[in-house]
Amino acid sequence: MDRKALEKAGFFRAFTIVFETDRISGAGAPNRFFVPYEIGENQTISVKPIGVTQIASLTESEGFKESEFFSYLQNARAWNLDGDELTLSTVDSKGAKATLIFAGE
């Protein structure tokens, strides 16, 4: 899902990510999340079970659901940082490869 398309649909602060020393936090749409992670050798990442707030959503973005975002994040296996762009390599629920790309502000 393209960030500009999300903003056009009114989802300005959806699907964000912040890395801290030992955990990741951020926002889905509308819930906030937090999760411990570990960095391994060769730019691997292991994401532990995700904790999520339980805010009921009045609307949901078309084309990219919050539950899909959390699933992709949970299944992340590798990362790459190029300038201010973070790429997480992951898989969907059926095992198909996917990529999450986050750009710094």
Protein backbone atom coordinates (compact mmCIF):
# COMPACT_ATOMS: atom_id res chain seq x y z
CA MET A 1 0.00 0.00 0.00
CA ASP A 2 1.31 3.38 -0.95
CA ARG A 3 1.64 6.00 1.82
CA LYS A 4 0.15 8.72 -0.43
CA ALA A 5 -2.90 6.54 -1.12
CA LEU A 6 -3.34 5.96 2.62
CA GLU A 7 -3.18 9.68 3.35
CA LYS A 8 -5.63 10.44 0.56
CA ALA A 9 -8.05 8.00 2.21
CA GLY A 10 -7.61 9.79 5.56
CA PHE A 11 -5.11 7.42 7.20
CA PHE A 12 -2.38 9.93 8.05
CA ARG A 13 -0.81 8.14 11.03
CA ALA A 14 -1.55 4.54 10.06
CA PHE A 15 1.01 1.77 9.61
CA THR A 16 3.98 3.39 11.33
CA ILE A 17 6.96 1.77 12.99
CA VAL A 18 9.52 2.91 15.58
CA PHE A 19 12.53 0.83 16.59
CA GLU A 20 13.89 1.14 20.11
CA THR A 21 16.77 -0.79 21.65
CA ASP A 22 14.75 -3.91 22.43
CA ARG A 23 11.27 -3.32 21.04
CA ILE A 24 9.28 -2.08 18.08
CA SER A 25 6.22 0.11 18.49
CA GLY A 26 3.94 2.04 16.21
CA ALA A 27 0.43 2.24 14.85
CA GLY A 28 -1.81 0.10 12.73
CA ALA A 29 -5.20 1.52 11.82
CA PRO A 30 -6.31 2.50 14.52
CA ASN A 31 -4.54 0.34 17.13
CA ARG A 32 -1.11 0.91 18.61
CA PHE A 33 1.28 -2.03 18.90
CA PHE A 34 4.44 -3.00 20.72
CA VAL A 35 6.65 -6.03 20.31
CA PRO A 36 10.09 -7.25 21.42
CA TYR A 37 12.53 -8.21 18.69
CA GLU A 38 16.03 -9.56 18.26
CA ILE A 39 18.57 -8.83 15.54
CA GLY A 40 20.63 -11.80 14.38
CA GLU A 41 23.55 -12.32 12.03
CA ASN A 42 23.40 -11.31 8.36
CA GLN A 43 20.62 -8.76 8.89
CA THR A 44 18.08 -11.25 10.20
CA ILE A 45 15.33 -10.24 12.60
CA SER A 46 13.11 -12.24 14.93
CA VAL A 47 9.87 -10.55 15.96
CA LYS A 48 8.19 -11.89 19.08
CA PRO A 49 4.39 -12.00 19.66
CA ILE A 50 2.80 -8.60 19.11
CA GLY A 51 0.82 -6.76 21.78
CA VAL A 52 -1.99 -4.63 20.38
CA THR A 53 -4.45 -2.17 21.91
CA GLN A 54 -8.11 -3.04 21.41
CA ILE A 55 -9.61 0.07 19.81
CA ALA A 56 -12.63 -0.58 17.61
CA SER A 57 -12.15 0.73 14.09
CA LEU A 58 -14.91 2.74 12.44
CA THR A 59 -13.20 2.49 9.06
CA GLU A 60 -10.46 0.38 7.58
CA SER A 61 -8.16 1.19 4.69
CA GLU A 62 -9.01 -0.53 1.44
CA GLY A 63 -6.34 -2.81 0.06
CA PHE A 64 -4.36 -3.16 3.30
CA LYS A 65 -5.92 -4.27 6.56
CA GLU A 66 -4.48 -3.72 10.02
CA SER A 67 -4.45 -7.48 10.67
CA GLU A 68 -2.36 -7.98 7.51
CA PHE A 69 0.13 -5.35 8.67
CA PHE A 70 0.52 -7.08 12.04
CA SER A 71 0.90 -10.46 10.35
CA TYR A 72 3.58 -9.18 7.97
CA LEU A 73 5.42 -7.58 10.88
CA GLN A 74 5.19 -10.77 12.95
CA ASN A 75 6.62 -12.79 10.04
CA ALA A 76 9.54 -10.45 9.26
CA ARG A 77 12.76 -12.40 8.78
CA ALA A 78 15.30 -9.93 7.37
CA TRP A 79 15.92 -6.19 7.31
CA ASN A 80 17.91 -3.63 5.37
CA LEU A 81 18.51 0.05 6.05
CA ASP A 82 19.45 2.26 3.11
CA GLY A 83 19.68 5.91 4.14
CA ASP A 84 16.33 6.65 5.80
CA GLU A 85 14.52 3.73 4.14
CA LEU A 86 13.95 0.55 6.15
CA THR A 87 12.99 -2.63 4.30
CA LEU A 88 11.60 -5.67 6.10
CA SER A 89 11.46 -8.96 4.18
CA THR A 90 8.51 -11.06 5.29
CA VAL A 91 5.89 -13.57 4.15
CA ASP A 92 2.11 -13.49 4.08
CA SER A 93 -0.15 -16.05 5.78
CA LYS A 94 0.25 -18.41 2.79
CA GLY A 95 4.05 -18.17 2.75
CA ALA A 96 4.33 -15.84 -0.27
CA LYS A 97 7.24 -13.39 -0.01
CA ALA A 98 6.42 -9.75 0.71
CA THR A 99 8.32 -6.56 1.48
CA LEU A 100 7.44 -3.75 3.88
CA ILE A 101 9.16 -0.43 3.14
CA PHE A 102 9.23 2.42 5.65
CA ALA A 103 10.67 5.86 4.87
CA GLY A 104 11.86 8.23 7.57
CA GLU A 105 10.18 11.57 8.06
